Every structure is written in structure tokens, then in C-alpha cells.
Amino acid sequence: MRRNIALVLLIVGVALTTWLRSERWLVVPNDTLHFTALKLPPRAVLKAHLGAFELEGAWHMTLGNYKFGGYSALLALPDGRLLAISDFGRFLAFTPPGGRQRPARHGNLISDPRNDKRKVDSESATRDPRNGQIWLGLEFLNGFVRLGPNWAENGRAQPASMASWGENSGPEAMIRLADGRFVAMSEGAREWLWPRHHDGVVFPGDPVVLPDAGKHFTFDGPSAFDPVDMAQMPDGRVLVLMRTLIWPLPERFAGRIAIGDPSRIRAGATWHVTEVARLASTLPVDNFEGMAVVPRADGKVIVWLISDDNQTRIQRTLLWKLVVDPAKLPR
């Protein structure tokens, strides 16, 4: 009798676990996720804007009638997929064009009972490759949510050092560095016209564990552009994705990619970065907000970019594949 009861409980437990997992992580049918290749400008035009970066492909992504778009952060997963995270706390894990195809999945990473976007507005993300933990940067709350290896929330914090950033200005860009430090930067600039300087906070470790240990620094980047994402290359240098609105109706955007040495990020100091690529409006661009770096065996790196369509019909979810030889970037 006890054995039968135990067996029933085991079956119920397995069924419940499977149901919960499938509810959170829904498989995307293969015929609904589409990548429509975009026509690229002539090589000379790309070279003039992108410098050492080569644009190998650009696609318009669509996903049938599913809740889709609004992606503000992008992470590379160990299995070759990319993890796109949206303003609404949702995710899409997918294989980019040219990669080994795996089933795409989508669902909620975090949610709010009242469906209040301000409680789940995830504008940045970073991942610890050692244990698979993920941190989300929440813009309106100026805080962090930490997810375990199974992508379930296991901690959050709202550091006092970020409390003054305002409801709609950060942490727009965030990264966990290879040395264990965490860096977050506000989208809001200190200047009204031609903004250049942004407030940043560096933590000696996990900001959920050490929320009171954040120290301020100043980010100095290309004028009139705001930082929206960061990714670290294998050689330790950090690429910073930046964005600006150049025309409000209909919205048109331009971007920049800059490079900097994270060892120069120090409390009370200014971190200077160097512009290395211009995502000009004459290229197939949109509101690029997410960036991920994937090393290649030949020493080059792939830089993936994804745009936030703001859940509107006049914008698109674009995916770019850039390739660059780090040796060709300024030190």
C-alpha cells in the first residue's frame, strides 16, 4: 500500500513538474519563428560606418501571433542559442541563422500579478558562465533580479547607489565582468544637450548579495548617445552599445559601438571609451538595445545585436551578425 501511494505521489510530482516547466518554457513551433534577410548596403558603405566590424547578415525577426518583441537585452547561451529578454519580463531563447538548430522557447522570466510593466521592465541582463545564474536590470525599480540556473528568481535588490537614477533611465546597461565585478550604467545623461557623461555604479561582487557596496564612477562616451548594453570580449575589453533617437515621428534611431578597458573602472573616476563603429540610419538599423559576444575558434568574435520594437508596428525586431578581429580594435 505504501509503495502504491509513493508511486502515485511520484507520478503526480513528475506530472506537476512537467506541467510547470512547460507552462513557463513554451516550445516555439518551427514554422512560426522567421528570419527575413535584409538587403545590405555596398561593402564600401559598410566599411565607412562599421570600420573593423563586418556585417555578415541582418534579419527581420517575426514570431507568428505569439507575444513577441520589445527585446532590450541579449545573452549568449552555452548551447549556441541566444537569449533575448524583453521589457515585459519575457524571454525568447532561439538559434540564430547559421547555427545548429535547436527548438526555440519563450515564456516569462518574471511577472507581476497586476501586469504592471514597471515592475518587470528588464532593460539589461548578464550571466555568470560558471553556474548559469542570470541577473536582470529593472529600469523603473532601479534594481536587480537574480535568476538561478533554472531561470527561477532567487533574489533581488534595489541598491541605494542607484536610487536617484529616475524611473526611466536605468540600469539600462549592465555586465558581470570576468573578475567578478558588476557594472551598471544609467541611460540618463548628466547633460541636457549633446549628452556625454552618464552615472555608473561598480559592485565588487553580486549586487544582490552586496547592494550597499556600489561605488559611483562616470562613463564618458560618444556625444549624444546613451549606453544601452555591454559585453566583454575574451581579451577582457568591453564593448558598449549606445543608442540615440534622431527623429521622433516615425521613430528613427542611430547607434554607436565603443570599446573600453574595464580595469580602468574605478570609484570616483571617469571611464573613457573609444568609438569603433557607427550604426548610422543609412544602414538597416532600428532601436538596437541588446548585444552579445560569441568567440570563434579563429580568434575573431561574433557580435550579435537585437533591436527593441517597443511593441509597435512602425518598428521592427532586427538581428545583426557582426564579426570582428579584436586585434584590429584600438587598445
C-alpha atoms as a PDB file:
ATOM      1  CA  MET A   1       0.000   0.000   0.000  1.00  0.00           C
ATOM      2  CA  ARG A   2       2.757   2.404   0.979  1.00  0.00           C
ATOM      3  CA  ARG A   3       4.595   1.505  -2.208  1.00  0.00           C
ATOM      4  CA  ASN A   4       1.481   2.275  -4.287  1.00  0.00           C
ATOM      5  CA  ILE A   5       0.986   5.614  -2.511  1.00  0.00           C
ATOM      6  CA  ALA A   6       4.638   6.509  -3.070  1.00  0.00           C
ATOM      7  CA  LEU A   7       4.325   5.589  -6.748  1.00  0.00           C
ATOM      8  CA  VAL A   8       1.218   7.745  -7.155  1.00  0.00           C
ATOM      9  CA  LEU A   9       2.929  10.671  -5.435  1.00  0.00           C
ATOM     10  CA  LEU A  10       5.947  10.253  -7.691  1.00  0.00           C
ATOM     11  CA  ILE A  11       3.793  10.252 -10.833  1.00  0.00           C
ATOM     12  CA  VAL A  12       1.862  13.314  -9.652  1.00  0.00           C
ATOM     13  CA  GLY A  13       5.101  15.081  -8.795  1.00  0.00           C
ATOM     14  CA  VAL A  14       6.639  14.365 -12.176  1.00  0.00           C
ATOM     15  CA  ALA A  15       3.465  15.441 -13.965  1.00  0.00           C
ATOM     16  CA  LEU A  16       3.228  18.628 -11.927  1.00  0.00           C
ATOM     17  CA  THR A  17       6.874  19.456 -12.523  1.00  0.00           C
ATOM     18  CA  THR A  18       6.496  18.839 -16.249  1.00  0.00           C
ATOM     19  CA  TRP A  19       3.363  20.970 -16.361  1.00  0.00           C
ATOM     20  CA  LEU A  20       5.013  23.837 -14.512  1.00  0.00           C
ATOM     21  CA  ARG A  21       8.094  23.725 -16.706  1.00  0.00           C
ATOM     22  CA  SER A  22       6.079  23.568 -19.932  1.00  0.00           C
ATOM     23  CA  GLU A  23       3.929  26.444 -18.691  1.00  0.00           C
ATOM     24  CA  ARG A  24       6.974  28.650 -18.161  1.00  0.00           C
ATOM     25  CA  TRP A  25       9.015  27.437 -21.134  1.00  0.00           C
ATOM     26  CA  LEU A  26       6.807  27.030 -24.163  1.00  0.00           C
ATOM     27  CA  VAL A  27       8.303  25.483 -27.282  1.00  0.00           C
ATOM     28  CA  VAL A  28       8.061  27.645 -30.392  1.00  0.00           C
ATOM     29  CA  PRO A  29       6.824  25.700 -33.447  1.00  0.00           C
ATOM     30  CA  ASN A  30       9.474  25.618 -36.176  1.00  0.00           C
ATOM     31  CA  ASP A  31       7.205  27.233 -38.738  1.00  0.00           C
ATOM     32  CA  THR A  32       6.459  30.372 -36.710  1.00  0.00           C
ATOM     33  CA  LEU A  33       9.895  31.884 -35.982  1.00  0.00           C
ATOM     34  CA  HIS A  34      11.022  33.591 -39.172  1.00  0.00           C
ATOM     35  CA  PHE A  35      14.235  35.370 -40.141  1.00  0.00           C
ATOM     36  CA  THR A  36      13.780  37.534 -43.222  1.00  0.00           C
ATOM     37  CA  ALA A  37      17.163  38.532 -44.634  1.00  0.00           C
ATOM     38  CA  LEU A  38      17.600  42.249 -45.293  1.00  0.00           C
ATOM     39  CA  LYS A  39      19.493  43.670 -48.245  1.00  0.00           C
ATOM     40  CA  LEU A  40      22.853  45.030 -47.136  1.00  0.00           C
ATOM     41  CA  PRO A  41      24.449  48.224 -48.454  1.00  0.00           C
ATOM     42  CA  PRO A  42      27.597  48.002 -50.594  1.00  0.00           C
ATOM     43  CA  ARG A  43      30.750  46.845 -48.806  1.00  0.00           C
ATOM     44  CA  ALA A  44      32.335  50.307 -49.101  1.00  0.00           C
ATOM     45  CA  VAL A  45      29.383  51.890 -47.296  1.00  0.00           C
ATOM     46  CA  LEU A  46      29.511  49.290 -44.516  1.00  0.00           C
ATOM     47  CA  LYS A  47      33.257  49.775 -44.125  1.00  0.00           C
ATOM     48  CA  ALA A  48      32.880  53.538 -43.826  1.00  0.00           C
ATOM     49  CA  HIS A  49      30.447  53.160 -40.922  1.00  0.00           C
ATOM     50  CA  LEU A  50      31.487  49.922 -39.229  1.00  0.00           C
ATOM     51  CA  GLY A  51      35.277  50.064 -39.508  1.00  0.00           C
ATOM     52  CA  ALA A  52      36.795  46.739 -38.419  1.00  0.00           C
ATOM     53  CA  PHE A  53      33.368  45.146 -37.964  1.00  0.00           C
ATOM     54  CA  GLU A  54      31.966  43.107 -40.845  1.00  0.00           C
ATOM     55  CA  LEU A  55      28.195  42.858 -41.139  1.00  0.00           C
ATOM     56  CA  GLU A  56      27.690  39.241 -42.227  1.00  0.00           C
ATOM     57  CA  GLY A  57      23.920  39.350 -42.038  1.00  0.00           C
ATOM     58  CA  ALA A  58      20.856  41.293 -40.936  1.00  0.00           C
ATOM     59  CA  TRP A  59      17.396  39.837 -40.437  1.00  0.00           C
ATOM     60  CA  HIS A  60      13.874  40.951 -39.578  1.00  0.00           C
ATOM     61  CA  MET A  61      12.551  38.556 -36.920  1.00  0.00           C
ATOM     62  CA  THR A  62       8.881  37.641 -36.616  1.00  0.00           C
ATOM     63  CA  LEU A  63       7.090  35.079 -34.450  1.00  0.00           C
ATOM     64  CA  GLY A  64       3.572  34.451 -35.644  1.00  0.00           C
ATOM     65  CA  ASN A  65       0.884  35.573 -33.209  1.00  0.00           C
ATOM     66  CA  TYR A  66       2.933  34.968 -30.050  1.00  0.00           C
ATOM     67  CA  LYS A  67       3.776  37.690 -27.565  1.00  0.00           C
ATOM     68  CA  PHE A  68       6.929  38.893 -29.200  1.00  0.00           C
ATOM     69  CA  GLY A  69       9.305  41.842 -29.379  1.00  0.00           C
ATOM     70  CA  GLY A  70      10.383  44.573 -27.022  1.00  0.00           C
ATOM     71  CA  TYR A  71      13.801  42.962 -26.550  1.00  0.00           C
ATOM     72  CA  SER A  72      16.228  45.143 -24.608  1.00  0.00           C
ATOM     73  CA  ALA A  73      18.867  42.599 -23.574  1.00  0.00           C
ATOM     74  CA  LEU A  74      20.661  39.728 -25.266  1.00  0.00           C
ATOM     75  CA  LEU A  75      22.783  36.909 -23.825  1.00  0.00           C
ATOM     76  CA  ALA A  76      24.718  34.077 -25.462  1.00  0.00           C
ATOM     77  CA  LEU A  77      23.904  30.612 -24.089  1.00  0.00           C
ATOM     78  CA  PRO A  78      26.391  27.713 -23.969  1.00  0.00           C
ATOM     79  CA  ASP A  79      24.337  25.589 -26.380  1.00  0.00           C
ATOM     80  CA  GLY A  80      24.646  28.112 -29.214  1.00  0.00           C
ATOM     81  CA  ARG A  81      21.287  29.790 -28.702  1.00  0.00           C
ATOM     82  CA  LEU A  82      20.705  33.448 -27.907  1.00  0.00           C
ATOM     83  CA  LEU A  83      18.506  34.568 -25.027  1.00  0.00           C
ATOM     84  CA  ALA A  84      16.538  37.738 -25.764  1.00  0.00           C
ATOM     85  CA  ILE A  85      14.843  39.414 -22.786  1.00  0.00           C
ATOM     86  CA  SER A  86      12.007  41.902 -23.151  1.00  0.00           C
ATOM     87  CA  ASP A  87      10.668  44.968 -21.375  1.00  0.00           C
ATOM     88  CA  PHE A  88       7.812  42.809 -20.093  1.00  0.00           C
ATOM     89  CA  GLY A  89       9.977  40.230 -18.325  1.00  0.00           C
ATOM     90  CA  ARG A  90       9.556  37.702 -21.137  1.00  0.00           C
ATOM     91  CA  PHE A  91      12.235  35.752 -22.956  1.00  0.00           C
ATOM     92  CA  LEU A  92      12.904  34.102 -26.290  1.00  0.00           C
ATOM     93  CA  ALA A  93      15.691  31.507 -26.480  1.00  0.00           C
ATOM     94  CA  PHE A  94      16.469  30.827 -30.143  1.00  0.00           C
ATOM     95  CA  THR A  95      19.137  29.616 -32.548  1.00  0.00           C
ATOM     96  CA  PRO A  96      20.326  32.437 -34.817  1.00  0.00           C
ATOM     97  CA  PRO A  97      20.643  31.893 -38.562  1.00  0.00           C
ATOM     98  CA  GLY A  98      23.532  29.626 -39.467  1.00  0.00           C
ATOM     99  CA  GLY A  99      23.686  27.912 -36.082  1.00  0.00           C
ATOM    100  CA  ARG A 100      22.891  24.345 -35.116  1.00  0.00           C
ATOM    101  CA  GLN A 101      19.141  24.335 -34.917  1.00  0.00           C
ATOM    102  CA  ARG A 102      17.567  23.721 -31.525  1.00  0.00           C
ATOM    103  CA  PRO A 103      13.934  24.218 -30.501  1.00  0.00           C
ATOM    104  CA  ALA A 104      13.214  27.837 -29.642  1.00  0.00           C
ATOM    105  CA  ARG A 105      11.424  28.547 -26.370  1.00  0.00           C
ATOM    106  CA  HIS A 106       9.609  31.518 -24.933  1.00  0.00           C
ATOM    107  CA  GLY A 107       7.813  32.445 -21.718  1.00  0.00           C
ATOM    108  CA  ASN A 108       8.011  34.639 -18.628  1.00  0.00           C
ATOM    109  CA  LEU A 109      11.145  35.111 -16.567  1.00  0.00           C
ATOM    110  CA  ILE A 110       9.457  37.422 -14.068  1.00  0.00           C
ATOM    111  CA  SER A 111       5.879  38.632 -13.826  1.00  0.00           C
ATOM    112  CA  ASP A 112       3.708  40.962 -11.793  1.00  0.00           C
ATOM    113  CA  PRO A 113       0.215  39.947 -10.527  1.00  0.00           C
ATOM    114  CA  ARG A 114      -1.176  43.299 -11.675  1.00  0.00           C
ATOM    115  CA  ASN A 115       0.576  43.190 -15.054  1.00  0.00           C
ATOM    116  CA  ASP A 116       2.398  46.389 -14.161  1.00  0.00           C
ATOM    117  CA  LYS A 117       5.153  46.804 -16.730  1.00  0.00           C
ATOM    118  CA  ARG A 118       7.133  48.998 -14.350  1.00  0.00           C
ATOM    119  CA  LYS A 119       7.624  46.024 -12.036  1.00  0.00           C
ATOM    120  CA  VAL A 120       9.134  43.790 -14.728  1.00  0.00           C
ATOM    121  CA  ASP A 121      10.775  46.222 -17.175  1.00  0.00           C
ATOM    122  CA  SER A 122      14.033  44.342 -17.813  1.00  0.00           C
ATOM    123  CA  GLU A 123      16.401  46.577 -19.749  1.00  0.00           C
ATOM    124  CA  SER A 124      19.689  44.763 -19.170  1.00  0.00           C
ATOM    125  CA  ALA A 125      20.971  41.296 -18.347  1.00  0.00           C
ATOM    126  CA  THR A 126      24.202  39.491 -17.597  1.00  0.00           C
ATOM    127  CA  ARG A 127      25.171  35.885 -16.925  1.00  0.00           C
ATOM    128  CA  ASP A 128      27.731  34.013 -14.828  1.00  0.00           C
ATOM    129  CA  PRO A 129      29.167  31.296 -17.118  1.00  0.00           C
ATOM    130  CA  ARG A 130      30.333  29.252 -14.116  1.00  0.00           C
ATOM    131  CA  ASN A 131      26.907  28.487 -12.658  1.00  0.00           C
ATOM    132  CA  GLY A 132      24.403  29.804 -15.194  1.00  0.00           C
ATOM    133  CA  GLN A 133      22.899  32.449 -12.909  1.00  0.00           C
ATOM    134  CA  ILE A 134      21.375  35.462 -14.666  1.00  0.00           C
ATOM    135  CA  TRP A 135      20.854  38.991 -13.391  1.00  0.00           C
ATOM    136  CA  LEU A 136      18.233  41.338 -14.821  1.00  0.00           C
ATOM    137  CA  GLY A 137      18.420  45.112 -14.506  1.00  0.00           C
ATOM    138  CA  LEU A 138      14.994  46.630 -13.807  1.00  0.00           C
ATOM    139  CA  GLU A 139      14.662  50.143 -15.192  1.00  0.00           C
ATOM    140  CA  PHE A 140      11.770  51.624 -13.206  1.00  0.00           C
ATOM    141  CA  LEU A 141      12.759  49.972  -9.922  1.00  0.00           C
ATOM    142  CA  ASN A 142      16.478  50.754 -10.365  1.00  0.00           C
ATOM    143  CA  GLY A 143      17.260  47.315  -9.049  1.00  0.00           C
ATOM    144  CA  PHE A 144      18.321  43.779  -9.894  1.00  0.00           C
ATOM    145  CA  VAL A 145      16.604  40.406 -10.044  1.00  0.00           C
ATOM    146  CA  ARG A 146      18.752  37.289  -9.889  1.00  0.00           C
ATOM    147  CA  LEU A 147      17.675  34.054 -11.557  1.00  0.00           C
ATOM    148  CA  GLY A 148      19.048  30.613 -10.741  1.00  0.00           C
ATOM    149  CA  PRO A 149      20.334  28.132 -13.346  1.00  0.00           C
ATOM    150  CA  ASN A 150      16.708  27.084 -13.927  1.00  0.00           C
ATOM    151  CA  TRP A 151      15.786  30.745 -14.582  1.00  0.00           C
ATOM    152  CA  ALA A 152      13.649  30.970 -11.449  1.00  0.00           C
ATOM    153  CA  GLU A 153      14.045  34.070  -9.288  1.00  0.00           C
ATOM    154  CA  ASN A 154      16.207  33.547  -6.212  1.00  0.00           C
ATOM    155  CA  GLY A 155      16.974  37.094  -5.097  1.00  0.00           C
ATOM    156  CA  ARG A 156      16.583  40.796  -5.778  1.00  0.00           C
ATOM    157  CA  ALA A 157      17.869  44.137  -4.521  1.00  0.00           C
ATOM    158  CA  GLN A 158      17.430  47.885  -5.023  1.00  0.00           C
ATOM    159  CA  PRO A 159      20.827  49.440  -4.209  1.00  0.00           C
ATOM    160  CA  ALA A 160      20.775  52.890  -2.658  1.00  0.00           C
ATOM    161  CA  SER A 161      23.561  53.913  -5.048  1.00  0.00           C
ATOM    162  CA  MET A 162      21.086  53.686  -7.960  1.00  0.00           C
ATOM    163  CA  ALA A 163      18.018  55.162  -6.255  1.00  0.00           C
ATOM    164  CA  SER A 164      18.458  58.610  -7.838  1.00  0.00           C
ATOM    165  CA  TRP A 165      18.596  57.408 -11.434  1.00  0.00           C
ATOM    166  CA  GLY A 166      14.930  58.117 -12.072  1.00  0.00           C
ATOM    167  CA  GLU A 167      12.144  55.797 -13.168  1.00  0.00           C
ATOM    168  CA  ASN A 168      13.011  55.648 -16.854  1.00  0.00           C
ATOM    169  CA  SER A 169      16.787  55.929 -17.023  1.00  0.00           C
ATOM    170  CA  GLY A 170      18.488  52.827 -15.745  1.00  0.00           C
ATOM    171  CA  PRO A 171      20.117  50.386 -15.221  1.00  0.00           C
ATOM    172  CA  GLU A 172      19.938  50.292 -18.996  1.00  0.00           C
ATOM    173  CA  ALA A 173      23.368  48.664 -19.391  1.00  0.00           C
ATOM    174  CA  MET A 174      24.840  46.024 -17.064  1.00  0.00           C
ATOM    175  CA  ILE A 175      27.599  43.435 -17.103  1.00  0.00           C
ATOM    176  CA  ARG A 176      29.238  40.883 -14.872  1.00  0.00           C
ATOM    177  CA  LEU A 177      32.955  41.147 -15.610  1.00  0.00           C
ATOM    178  CA  ALA A 178      35.288  38.148 -15.716  1.00  0.00           C
ATOM    179  CA  ASP A 179      36.940  39.376 -12.498  1.00  0.00           C
ATOM    180  CA  GLY A 180      33.596  39.071 -10.667  1.00  0.00           C
ATOM    181  CA  ARG A 181      32.733  42.762 -10.516  1.00  0.00           C
ATOM    182  CA  PHE A 182      29.340  44.037 -11.660  1.00  0.00           C
ATOM    183  CA  VAL A 183      28.937  47.280 -13.587  1.00  0.00           C
ATOM    184  CA  ALA A 184      25.645  49.080 -14.199  1.00  0.00           C
ATOM    185  CA  MET A 185      25.132  52.348 -16.067  1.00  0.00           C
ATOM    186  CA  SER A 186      22.241  54.771 -16.259  1.00  0.00           C
ATOM    187  CA  GLU A 187      20.710  55.698 -19.589  1.00  0.00           C
ATOM    188  CA  GLY A 188      20.018  59.201 -18.306  1.00  0.00           C
ATOM    189  CA  ALA A 189      22.838  61.637 -19.062  1.00  0.00           C
ATOM    190  CA  ARG A 190      24.089  64.438 -16.852  1.00  0.00           C
ATOM    191  CA  GLU A 191      23.758  66.968 -19.683  1.00  0.00           C
ATOM    192  CA  TRP A 192      20.577  68.080 -21.402  1.00  0.00           C
ATOM    193  CA  LEU A 193      22.136  68.914 -24.759  1.00  0.00           C
ATOM    194  CA  TRP A 194      24.577  66.562 -26.507  1.00  0.00           C
ATOM    195  CA  PRO A 195      24.802  64.212 -23.528  1.00  0.00           C
ATOM    196  CA  ARG A 196      28.155  62.571 -22.981  1.00  0.00           C
ATOM    197  CA  HIS A 197      28.529  61.710 -19.304  1.00  0.00           C
ATOM    198  CA  HIS A 198      26.439  59.063 -17.553  1.00  0.00           C
ATOM    199  CA  ASP A 199      26.420  57.816 -13.992  1.00  0.00           C
ATOM    200  CA  GLY A 200      27.703  54.312 -13.385  1.00  0.00           C
ATOM    201  CA  VAL A 201      27.982  52.068 -10.337  1.00  0.00           C
ATOM    202  CA  VAL A 202      30.531  49.291  -9.860  1.00  0.00           C
ATOM    203  CA  PHE A 203      29.988  46.483  -7.343  1.00  0.00           C
ATOM    204  CA  PRO A 204      32.814  44.245  -6.066  1.00  0.00           C
ATOM    205  CA  GLY A 205      30.552  41.208  -6.500  1.00  0.00           C
ATOM    206  CA  ASP A 206      26.935  40.097  -6.792  1.00  0.00           C
ATOM    207  CA  PRO A 207      24.799  43.252  -6.265  1.00  0.00           C
ATOM    208  CA  VAL A 208      22.005  41.147  -4.771  1.00  0.00           C
ATOM    209  CA  VAL A 209      24.407  39.996  -2.052  1.00  0.00           C
ATOM    210  CA  LEU A 210      26.292  43.308  -1.791  1.00  0.00           C
ATOM    211  CA  PRO A 211      23.699  46.006  -2.558  1.00  0.00           C
ATOM    212  CA  ASP A 212      25.385  48.556  -0.274  1.00  0.00           C
ATOM    213  CA  ALA A 213      28.842  48.109  -1.793  1.00  0.00           C
ATOM    214  CA  GLY A 214      28.208  50.002  -5.025  1.00  0.00           C
ATOM    215  CA  LYS A 215      30.581  52.854  -5.858  1.00  0.00           C
ATOM    216  CA  HIS A 216      29.919  55.621  -8.371  1.00  0.00           C
ATOM    217  CA  PHE A 217      32.000  56.370 -11.446  1.00  0.00           C
ATOM    218  CA  THR A 218      31.453  58.474 -14.569  1.00  0.00           C
ATOM    219  CA  PHE A 219      31.026  56.961 -18.021  1.00  0.00           C
ATOM    220  CA  ASP A 220      32.367  59.133 -20.851  1.00  0.00           C
ATOM    221  CA  GLY A 221      31.225  58.010 -24.295  1.00  0.00           C
ATOM    222  CA  PRO A 222      30.401  59.399 -27.735  1.00  0.00           C
ATOM    223  CA  SER A 223      28.441  62.636 -27.527  1.00  0.00           C
ATOM    224  CA  ALA A 224      24.626  62.494 -27.861  1.00  0.00           C
ATOM    225  CA  PHE A 225      24.438  58.709 -27.357  1.00  0.00           C
ATOM    226  CA  ASP A 226      23.274  56.734 -24.318  1.00  0.00           C
ATOM    227  CA  PRO A 227      24.643  53.344 -23.182  1.00  0.00           C
ATOM    228  CA  VAL A 228      22.144  50.505 -23.583  1.00  0.00           C
ATOM    229  CA  ASP A 229      24.191  47.293 -23.285  1.00  0.00           C
ATOM    230  CA  MET A 230      27.676  45.892 -22.644  1.00  0.00           C
ATOM    231  CA  ALA A 231      29.504  42.681 -23.493  1.00  0.00           C
ATOM    232  CA  GLN A 232      33.015  41.513 -22.622  1.00  0.00           C
ATOM    233  CA  MET A 233      35.363  40.037 -25.213  1.00  0.00           C
ATOM    234  CA  PRO A 234      37.725  37.132 -24.472  1.00  0.00           C
ATOM    235  CA  ASP A 235      40.686  39.520 -24.163  1.00  0.00           C
ATOM    236  CA  GLY A 236      38.921  41.343 -21.313  1.00  0.00           C
ATOM    237  CA  ARG A 237      37.957  44.520 -23.138  1.00  0.00           C
ATOM    238  CA  VAL A 238      34.324  45.593 -23.069  1.00  0.00           C
ATOM    239  CA  LEU A 239      32.149  46.621 -25.986  1.00  0.00           C
ATOM    240  CA  VAL A 240      29.485  49.212 -25.167  1.00  0.00           C
ATOM    241  CA  LEU A 241      26.368  49.526 -27.324  1.00  0.00           C
ATOM    242  CA  MET A 242      24.922  53.044 -27.461  1.00  0.00           C
ATOM    243  CA  ARG A 243      21.744  54.470 -28.971  1.00  0.00           C
ATOM    244  CA  THR A 244      20.048  57.759 -29.773  1.00  0.00           C
ATOM    245  CA  LEU A 245      16.700  58.876 -31.180  1.00  0.00           C
ATOM    246  CA  ILE A 246      17.285  61.017 -34.265  1.00  0.00           C
ATOM    247  CA  TRP A 247      13.690  61.565 -35.386  1.00  0.00           C
ATOM    248  CA  PRO A 248      10.550  61.167 -33.238  1.00  0.00           C
ATOM    249  CA  LEU A 249       7.726  60.578 -35.766  1.00  0.00           C
ATOM    250  CA  PRO A 250       8.100  57.980 -37.087  1.00  0.00           C
ATOM    251  CA  GLU A 251      10.851  56.977 -34.706  1.00  0.00           C
ATOM    252  CA  ARG A 252      14.288  56.628 -36.266  1.00  0.00           C
ATOM    253  CA  PHE A 253      17.398  55.601 -34.395  1.00  0.00           C
ATOM    254  CA  ALA A 254      21.143  55.535 -34.752  1.00  0.00           C
ATOM    255  CA  GLY A 255      23.740  53.756 -32.657  1.00  0.00           C
ATOM    256  CA  ARG A 256      27.377  53.505 -31.739  1.00  0.00           C
ATOM    257  CA  ILE A 257      29.682  50.734 -30.548  1.00  0.00           C
ATOM    258  CA  ALA A 258      32.513  51.794 -28.268  1.00  0.00           C
ATOM    259  CA  ILE A 259      35.332  49.869 -26.596  1.00  0.00           C
ATOM    260  CA  GLY A 260      36.934  50.316 -23.200  1.00  0.00           C
ATOM    261  CA  ASP A 261      39.250  48.687 -20.690  1.00  0.00           C
ATOM    262  CA  PRO A 262      37.222  47.656 -17.602  1.00  0.00           C
ATOM    263  CA  SER A 263      40.346  47.693 -15.403  1.00  0.00           C
ATOM    264  CA  ARG A 264      40.065  51.473 -15.613  1.00  0.00           C
ATOM    265  CA  ILE A 265      36.620  51.479 -13.980  1.00  0.00           C
ATOM    266  CA  ARG A 266      37.329  52.849 -10.529  1.00  0.00           C
ATOM    267  CA  ALA A 267      35.242  54.500  -7.845  1.00  0.00           C
ATOM    268  CA  GLY A 268      35.112  58.268  -8.303  1.00  0.00           C
ATOM    269  CA  ALA A 269      36.979  58.145 -11.627  1.00  0.00           C
ATOM    270  CA  THR A 270      35.910  58.615 -15.250  1.00  0.00           C
ATOM    271  CA  TRP A 271      35.828  55.626 -17.577  1.00  0.00           C
ATOM    272  CA  HIS A 272      36.667  56.729 -21.112  1.00  0.00           C
ATOM    273  CA  VAL A 273      35.712  54.584 -24.089  1.00  0.00           C
ATOM    274  CA  THR A 274      36.589  54.835 -27.770  1.00  0.00           C
ATOM    275  CA  GLU A 275      34.071  54.771 -30.608  1.00  0.00           C
ATOM    276  CA  VAL A 276      34.729  51.909 -33.045  1.00  0.00           C
ATOM    277  CA  ALA A 277      31.549  51.628 -35.153  1.00  0.00           C
ATOM    278  CA  ARG A 278      28.658  53.813 -36.247  1.00  0.00           C
ATOM    279  CA  LEU A 279      25.227  52.256 -36.655  1.00  0.00           C
ATOM    280  CA  ALA A 280      24.093  55.001 -38.991  1.00  0.00           C
ATOM    281  CA  SER A 281      20.493  55.495 -40.020  1.00  0.00           C
ATOM    282  CA  THR A 282      21.509  54.797 -43.643  1.00  0.00           C
ATOM    283  CA  LEU A 283      22.123  51.169 -42.615  1.00  0.00           C
ATOM    284  CA  PRO A 284      19.328  48.659 -41.823  1.00  0.00           C
ATOM    285  CA  VAL A 285      19.047  49.800 -38.199  1.00  0.00           C
ATOM    286  CA  ASP A 286      16.302  50.160 -35.642  1.00  0.00           C
ATOM    287  CA  ASN A 287      16.262  50.653 -31.880  1.00  0.00           C
ATOM    288  CA  PHE A 288      19.251  48.409 -31.077  1.00  0.00           C
ATOM    289  CA  GLU A 289      19.387  47.736 -27.325  1.00  0.00           C
ATOM    290  CA  GLY A 290      20.785  44.213 -26.889  1.00  0.00           C
ATOM    291  CA  MET A 291      24.280  42.879 -27.593  1.00  0.00           C
ATOM    292  CA  ALA A 292      26.003  39.511 -27.088  1.00  0.00           C
ATOM    293  CA  VAL A 293      29.557  38.385 -27.882  1.00  0.00           C
ATOM    294  CA  VAL A 294      30.417  34.846 -29.017  1.00  0.00           C
ATOM    295  CA  PRO A 295      34.090  33.834 -29.502  1.00  0.00           C
ATOM    296  CA  ARG A 296      35.116  31.928 -32.627  1.00  0.00           C
ATOM    297  CA  ALA A 297      37.819  29.292 -32.957  1.00  0.00           C
ATOM    298  CA  ASP A 298      39.850  31.515 -35.309  1.00  0.00           C
ATOM    299  CA  GLY A 299      40.233  34.235 -32.675  1.00  0.00           C
ATOM    300  CA  LYS A 300      37.562  36.507 -34.114  1.00  0.00           C
ATOM    301  CA  VAL A 301      34.330  37.213 -32.243  1.00  0.00           C
ATOM    302  CA  ILE A 302      30.723  37.359 -33.353  1.00  0.00           C
ATOM    303  CA  VAL A 303      28.795  40.354 -32.060  1.00  0.00           C
ATOM    304  CA  TRP A 304      25.024  39.860 -32.146  1.00  0.00           C
ATOM    305  CA  LEU A 305      22.716  42.877 -31.915  1.00  0.00           C
ATOM    306  CA  ILE A 306      18.941  42.872 -31.401  1.00  0.00           C
ATOM    307  CA  SER A 307      16.513  45.778 -31.541  1.00  0.00           C
ATOM    308  CA  ASP A 308      13.578  46.710 -29.324  1.00  0.00           C
ATOM    309  CA  ASP A 309      10.464  47.321 -31.423  1.00  0.00           C
ATOM    310  CA  ASN A 310       8.669  48.885 -28.420  1.00  0.00           C
ATOM    311  CA  GLN A 311       5.699  46.645 -29.285  1.00  0.00           C
ATOM    312  CA  THR A 312       4.722  48.957 -32.162  1.00  0.00           C
ATOM    313  CA  ARG A 313       4.037  48.265 -35.816  1.00  0.00           C
ATOM    314  CA  ILE A 314       6.268  51.062 -37.067  1.00  0.00           C
ATOM    315  CA  GLN A 315       9.397  49.449 -35.582  1.00  0.00           C
ATOM    316  CA  ARG A 316      10.954  46.036 -36.189  1.00  0.00           C
ATOM    317  CA  THR A 317      12.822  43.377 -34.267  1.00  0.00           C
ATOM    318  CA  LEU A 318      16.106  43.253 -36.155  1.00  0.00           C
ATOM    319  CA  LEU A 319      19.007  40.874 -35.620  1.00  0.00           C
ATOM    320  CA  TRP A 320      22.523  41.717 -36.786  1.00  0.00           C
ATOM    321  CA  LYS A 321      25.539  39.440 -37.045  1.00  0.00           C
ATOM    322  CA  LEU A 322      28.804  41.349 -36.871  1.00  0.00           C
ATOM    323  CA  VAL A 323      32.231  39.722 -36.947  1.00  0.00           C
ATOM    324  CA  VAL A 324      35.422  41.444 -35.807  1.00  0.00           C
ATOM    325  CA  ASP A 325      39.035  40.597 -35.190  1.00  0.00           C
ATOM    326  CA  PRO A 326      39.800  42.030 -31.710  1.00  0.00           C
ATOM    327  CA  ALA A 327      43.395  42.685 -32.815  1.00  0.00           C
ATOM    328  CA  LYS A 328      42.035  45.315 -35.226  1.00  0.00           C
ATOM    329  CA  LEU A 329      40.304  47.291 -32.480  1.00  0.00           C
ATOM    330  CA  PRO A 330      42.137  50.109 -30.674  1.00  0.00           C
ATOM    331  CA  ARG A 331      43.703  49.410 -27.318  1.00  0.00           C
END
